[in-house]
Amino acid sequence: MSWQGGGLVCGRADERGIQEDSHRTRAWLDRTAVVSLDCQMSGNPHLTSRQEDSRSARQERLAKALRENLHRRKEQARAQKQLRSSQSKKPEGGSSEPPA
C-alpha cells in the first residue's frame, strides 16, 4: 500500500495503476460523503418521541412567527404607501386649506 494524491492506494507501483486506484478511491470517498450528507439532511432517525415532539412544536412556533412577521410587514408597507400617497396629494403651499 502507498499514499498517493490524498487517497490510500492498493495495487501496482507503476504510475498508471496508482492513478487508477487513486481515482477509484476518490470516487468511493465522494459517494460515501454524499450518502452520509444525504442521511444527515433527511432527518435524524435516532430521535426519541419526546425530542420529536419538541422539534415539532418548535417548527410550529417558527411557522407562526413567520406568518405574524409577514402580516406585520405587509401592514407596514400599506401604511407607508398610504403615507406617501397622502403626502403627494398635499398642495404646494403647505396649508391644508383649499385655495380661495
N, C-alpha and C. Protein backbone atom coordinates (compact mmCIF):
# COMPACT_ATOMS: atom_id res chain seq x y z
N MET A 1 0.84 -1.18 0.00
CA MET A 1 0.00 0.00 0.00
C MET A 1 0.88 1.24 0.00
N SER A 2 0.38 2.29 -0.64
CA SER A 2 1.12 3.54 -0.67
C SER A 2 0.13 4.70 -0.59
N TRP A 3 0.65 5.86 -0.29
CA TRP A 3 -0.16 7.06 -0.18
C TRP A 3 0.03 7.87 -1.45
N GLN A 4 -1.05 8.17 -2.16
CA GLN A 4 -0.91 8.88 -3.42
C GLN A 4 -2.10 9.78 -3.64
N GLY A 5 -1.87 11.07 -3.81
CA GLY A 5 -2.91 12.00 -4.21
C GLY A 5 -4.07 12.13 -3.24
N GLY A 6 -3.81 12.05 -1.96
CA GLY A 6 -4.87 12.24 -0.99
C GLY A 6 -5.69 11.00 -0.73
N GLY A 7 -5.33 9.87 -1.27
CA GLY A 7 -6.11 8.65 -1.03
C GLY A 7 -5.19 7.47 -0.80
N LEU A 8 -5.68 6.48 -0.10
CA LEU A 8 -4.91 5.27 0.14
C LEU A 8 -5.02 4.40 -1.10
N VAL A 9 -3.91 3.93 -1.58
CA VAL A 9 -3.89 3.22 -2.84
C VAL A 9 -3.37 1.81 -2.62
N CYS A 10 -4.09 0.85 -3.16
CA CYS A 10 -3.64 -0.54 -3.14
C CYS A 10 -3.42 -0.95 -4.58
N GLY A 11 -2.36 -1.63 -4.85
CA GLY A 11 -2.16 -2.09 -6.22
C GLY A 11 -0.73 -1.99 -6.66
N ARG A 12 -0.55 -1.99 -7.98
CA ARG A 12 0.79 -1.98 -8.56
C ARG A 12 1.46 -0.65 -8.29
N ALA A 13 2.78 -0.68 -8.37
CA ALA A 13 3.57 0.51 -8.08
C ALA A 13 3.79 1.37 -9.32
N ASP A 14 3.39 0.89 -10.52
CA ASP A 14 3.59 1.74 -11.68
C ASP A 14 2.60 2.90 -11.65
N GLU A 15 2.92 3.96 -12.35
CA GLU A 15 2.16 5.21 -12.25
C GLU A 15 0.72 5.05 -12.70
N ARG A 16 0.45 4.31 -13.77
CA ARG A 16 -0.90 4.15 -14.27
C ARG A 16 -1.78 3.43 -13.25
N GLY A 17 -1.27 2.41 -12.65
CA GLY A 17 -2.03 1.66 -11.64
C GLY A 17 -2.34 2.51 -10.43
N ILE A 18 -1.39 3.32 -10.03
CA ILE A 18 -1.61 4.20 -8.88
C ILE A 18 -2.68 5.22 -9.19
N GLN A 19 -2.65 5.79 -10.39
CA GLN A 19 -3.65 6.79 -10.76
C GLN A 19 -5.05 6.18 -10.82
N GLU A 20 -5.16 4.98 -11.41
CA GLU A 20 -6.47 4.33 -11.50
C GLU A 20 -7.02 4.03 -10.11
N ASP A 21 -6.17 3.49 -9.23
CA ASP A 21 -6.61 3.17 -7.88
C ASP A 21 -6.96 4.44 -7.11
N SER A 22 -6.18 5.49 -7.33
CA SER A 22 -6.44 6.75 -6.66
C SER A 22 -7.79 7.32 -7.09
N HIS A 23 -8.11 7.24 -8.38
CA HIS A 23 -9.40 7.74 -8.87
C HIS A 23 -10.55 6.92 -8.30
N ARG A 24 -10.36 5.58 -8.23
CA ARG A 24 -11.41 4.74 -7.65
C ARG A 24 -11.63 5.09 -6.19
N THR A 25 -10.53 5.29 -5.47
CA THR A 25 -10.63 5.60 -4.04
C THR A 25 -11.33 6.93 -3.84
N ARG A 26 -10.95 7.92 -4.62
CA ARG A 26 -11.60 9.23 -4.52
C ARG A 26 -13.08 9.13 -4.84
N ALA A 27 -13.42 8.40 -5.89
CA ALA A 27 -14.82 8.25 -6.28
C ALA A 27 -15.61 7.58 -5.16
N TRP A 28 -15.03 6.56 -4.54
CA TRP A 28 -15.69 5.88 -3.43
C TRP A 28 -15.89 6.84 -2.26
N LEU A 29 -14.85 7.62 -1.95
CA LEU A 29 -14.96 8.57 -0.85
C LEU A 29 -16.01 9.63 -1.14
N ASP A 30 -16.08 10.10 -2.39
CA ASP A 30 -17.08 11.10 -2.76
C ASP A 30 -18.49 10.53 -2.61
N ARG A 31 -18.70 9.29 -3.08
CA ARG A 31 -20.02 8.68 -2.95
C ARG A 31 -20.39 8.50 -1.49
N THR A 32 -19.42 8.10 -0.68
CA THR A 32 -19.66 7.89 0.75
C THR A 32 -20.04 9.20 1.41
N ALA A 33 -19.36 10.27 1.05
CA ALA A 33 -19.65 11.58 1.63
C ALA A 33 -21.05 12.04 1.24
N VAL A 34 -21.45 11.80 0.00
CA VAL A 34 -22.78 12.20 -0.47
C VAL A 34 -23.85 11.42 0.27
N VAL A 35 -23.66 10.12 0.42
CA VAL A 35 -24.64 9.31 1.13
C VAL A 35 -24.73 9.75 2.58
N SER A 36 -23.59 10.02 3.20
CA SER A 36 -23.58 10.46 4.58
C SER A 36 -24.30 11.79 4.72
N LEU A 37 -24.04 12.72 3.83
CA LEU A 37 -24.69 14.02 3.86
C LEU A 37 -26.19 13.87 3.66
N ASP A 38 -26.59 12.99 2.73
CA ASP A 38 -28.00 12.76 2.47
C ASP A 38 -28.69 12.22 3.72
N CYS A 39 -28.05 11.31 4.41
CA CYS A 39 -28.63 10.76 5.64
C CYS A 39 -28.77 11.84 6.70
N GLN A 40 -27.80 12.71 6.80
CA GLN A 40 -27.86 13.78 7.79
C GLN A 40 -28.98 14.76 7.47
N MET A 41 -29.21 15.02 6.20
CA MET A 41 -30.19 16.02 5.82
C MET A 41 -31.62 15.46 5.87
N SER A 42 -31.78 14.17 5.77
CA SER A 42 -33.12 13.61 5.72
C SER A 42 -33.76 13.50 7.09
N GLY A 43 -33.09 13.92 8.11
CA GLY A 43 -33.66 13.86 9.45
C GLY A 43 -32.90 12.84 10.28
N ASN A 44 -33.05 12.96 11.57
CA ASN A 44 -32.34 12.06 12.45
C ASN A 44 -33.27 10.94 12.89
N PRO A 45 -33.01 9.71 12.46
CA PRO A 45 -33.89 8.61 12.84
C PRO A 45 -33.73 8.19 14.29
N HIS A 46 -32.77 8.76 15.01
CA HIS A 46 -32.48 8.35 16.37
C HIS A 46 -33.14 9.26 17.40
N LEU A 47 -34.14 10.03 17.00
CA LEU A 47 -34.81 10.92 17.94
C LEU A 47 -35.83 10.15 18.76
N THR A 48 -35.92 10.48 20.02
CA THR A 48 -36.97 9.90 20.84
C THR A 48 -38.27 10.62 20.54
N SER A 49 -39.36 10.06 20.99
CA SER A 49 -40.66 10.71 20.72
C SER A 49 -40.73 12.06 21.41
N ARG A 50 -40.11 12.19 22.57
CA ARG A 50 -40.10 13.47 23.28
C ARG A 50 -39.33 14.52 22.47
N GLN A 51 -38.18 14.12 21.92
CA GLN A 51 -37.38 15.04 21.12
C GLN A 51 -38.13 15.42 19.85
N GLU A 52 -38.81 14.43 19.26
CA GLU A 52 -39.57 14.74 18.05
C GLU A 52 -40.72 15.69 18.34
N ASP A 53 -41.37 15.50 19.48
CA ASP A 53 -42.46 16.39 19.87
C ASP A 53 -41.95 17.82 20.06
N SER A 54 -40.80 17.95 20.73
CA SER A 54 -40.26 19.30 20.96
C SER A 54 -39.82 19.93 19.64
N ARG A 55 -39.27 19.12 18.74
CA ARG A 55 -38.87 19.65 17.43
C ARG A 55 -40.10 20.08 16.64
N SER A 56 -41.15 19.29 16.71
CA SER A 56 -42.38 19.62 16.00
C SER A 56 -42.99 20.91 16.57
N ALA A 57 -43.01 21.04 17.87
CA ALA A 57 -43.54 22.24 18.50
C ALA A 57 -42.72 23.46 18.10
N ARG A 58 -41.42 23.31 18.04
CA ARG A 58 -40.54 24.42 17.62
C ARG A 58 -40.84 24.82 16.18
N GLN A 59 -41.01 23.83 15.31
CA GLN A 59 -41.33 24.12 13.92
C GLN A 59 -42.64 24.90 13.81
N GLU A 60 -43.63 24.50 14.62
CA GLU A 60 -44.91 25.20 14.60
C GLU A 60 -44.77 26.64 15.10
N ARG A 61 -43.98 26.83 16.17
CA ARG A 61 -43.76 28.20 16.68
C ARG A 61 -43.06 29.06 15.64
N LEU A 62 -42.07 28.50 14.97
CA LEU A 62 -41.36 29.26 13.94
C LEU A 62 -42.28 29.62 12.78
N ALA A 63 -43.11 28.68 12.37
CA ALA A 63 -44.03 28.95 11.27
C ALA A 63 -45.01 30.06 11.65
N LYS A 64 -45.51 30.01 12.89
CA LYS A 64 -46.44 31.04 13.36
C LYS A 64 -45.75 32.40 13.40
N ALA A 65 -44.52 32.43 13.89
CA ALA A 65 -43.77 33.69 13.97
C ALA A 65 -43.53 34.25 12.56
N LEU A 66 -43.23 33.39 11.60
CA LEU A 66 -43.02 33.85 10.23
C LEU A 66 -44.30 34.44 9.64
N ARG A 67 -45.43 33.78 9.89
CA ARG A 67 -46.71 34.31 9.39
C ARG A 67 -47.02 35.67 10.02
N GLU A 68 -46.82 35.78 11.33
CA GLU A 68 -47.08 37.06 12.00
C GLU A 68 -46.17 38.16 11.47
N ASN A 69 -44.91 37.82 11.25
CA ASN A 69 -43.96 38.79 10.72
C ASN A 69 -44.37 39.24 9.31
N LEU A 70 -44.82 38.30 8.51
CA LEU A 70 -45.26 38.64 7.16
C LEU A 70 -46.46 39.59 7.21
N HIS A 71 -47.43 39.30 8.06
CA HIS A 71 -48.60 40.17 8.18
C HIS A 71 -48.18 41.56 8.67
N ARG A 72 -47.29 41.61 9.65
CA ARG A 72 -46.84 42.90 10.18
C ARG A 72 -46.13 43.72 9.11
N ARG A 73 -45.27 43.08 8.35
CA ARG A 73 -44.54 43.80 7.30
C ARG A 73 -45.45 44.27 6.18
N LYS A 74 -46.44 43.46 5.83
CA LYS A 74 -47.41 43.89 4.82
C LYS A 74 -48.19 45.10 5.31
N GLU A 75 -48.57 45.07 6.59
CA GLU A 75 -49.29 46.20 7.16
C GLU A 75 -48.42 47.46 7.15
N GLN A 76 -47.14 47.31 7.49
CA GLN A 76 -46.23 48.45 7.44
C GLN A 76 -46.10 49.00 6.03
N ALA A 77 -45.99 48.11 5.06
CA ALA A 77 -45.85 48.53 3.66
C ALA A 77 -47.10 49.29 3.21
N ARG A 78 -48.28 48.80 3.61
CA ARG A 78 -49.52 49.50 3.24
C ARG A 78 -49.56 50.89 3.87
N ALA A 79 -49.15 50.98 5.14
CA ALA A 79 -49.17 52.28 5.83
C ALA A 79 -48.19 53.24 5.17
N GLN A 80 -47.02 52.79 4.79
CA GLN A 80 -46.05 53.66 4.12
C GLN A 80 -46.56 54.10 2.76
N LYS A 81 -47.19 53.19 2.04
CA LYS A 81 -47.73 53.54 0.73
C LYS A 81 -48.82 54.60 0.87
N GLN A 82 -49.67 54.41 1.87
CA GLN A 82 -50.73 55.37 2.10
C GLN A 82 -50.16 56.73 2.51
N LEU A 83 -49.12 56.72 3.33
CA LEU A 83 -48.49 57.96 3.76
C LEU A 83 -47.86 58.69 2.57
N ARG A 84 -47.19 57.96 1.70
CA ARG A 84 -46.59 58.57 0.50
C ARG A 84 -47.64 59.15 -0.41
N SER A 85 -48.74 58.42 -0.59
CA SER A 85 -49.78 58.92 -1.50
C SER A 85 -50.47 60.14 -0.91
N SER A 86 -50.65 60.19 0.40
CA SER A 86 -51.28 61.36 1.02
C SER A 86 -50.33 62.56 0.98
N GLN A 87 -49.03 62.34 1.08
CA GLN A 87 -48.07 63.44 1.00
C GLN A 87 -48.00 64.00 -0.41
N SER A 88 -48.14 63.15 -1.40
CA SER A 88 -48.07 63.63 -2.78
C SER A 88 -49.34 64.40 -3.18
N LYS A 89 -50.43 64.22 -2.46
CA LYS A 89 -51.68 64.91 -2.78
C LYS A 89 -51.79 66.27 -2.10
N LYS A 90 -50.89 66.59 -1.16
CA LYS A 90 -50.95 67.88 -0.46
C LYS A 90 -50.62 69.01 -1.44
N PRO A 91 -51.26 70.16 -1.27
CA PRO A 91 -50.94 71.30 -2.14
C PRO A 91 -49.54 71.82 -1.87
N GLU A 92 -48.98 72.51 -2.85
CA GLU A 92 -47.62 73.03 -2.75
C GLU A 92 -47.48 74.13 -1.70
N GLY A 93 -48.54 74.88 -1.40
CA GLY A 93 -48.49 75.98 -0.46
C GLY A 93 -48.20 75.55 0.96
N GLY A 94 -48.43 74.34 1.29
CA GLY A 94 -48.15 73.85 2.62
C GLY A 94 -49.35 73.89 3.53
N SER A 95 -50.38 74.62 3.22
CA SER A 95 -51.57 74.64 4.08
C SER A 95 -52.53 73.57 3.62
N SER A 96 -53.31 73.10 4.55
CA SER A 96 -54.25 72.05 4.18
C SER A 96 -55.60 72.62 3.74
N GLU A 97 -55.75 73.95 3.75
CA GLU A 97 -57.00 74.58 3.32
C GLU A 97 -57.03 74.68 1.80
N PRO A 98 -58.20 74.56 1.23
CA PRO A 98 -58.31 74.68 -0.24
C PRO A 98 -58.10 76.14 -0.63
N PRO A 99 -57.62 76.39 -1.84
CA PRO A 99 -57.40 77.77 -2.29
C PRO A 99 -58.73 78.50 -2.41
N ALA A 100 -58.72 79.81 -2.19
CA ALA A 100 -59.93 80.64 -2.22
C ALA A 100 -60.31 81.05 -3.62
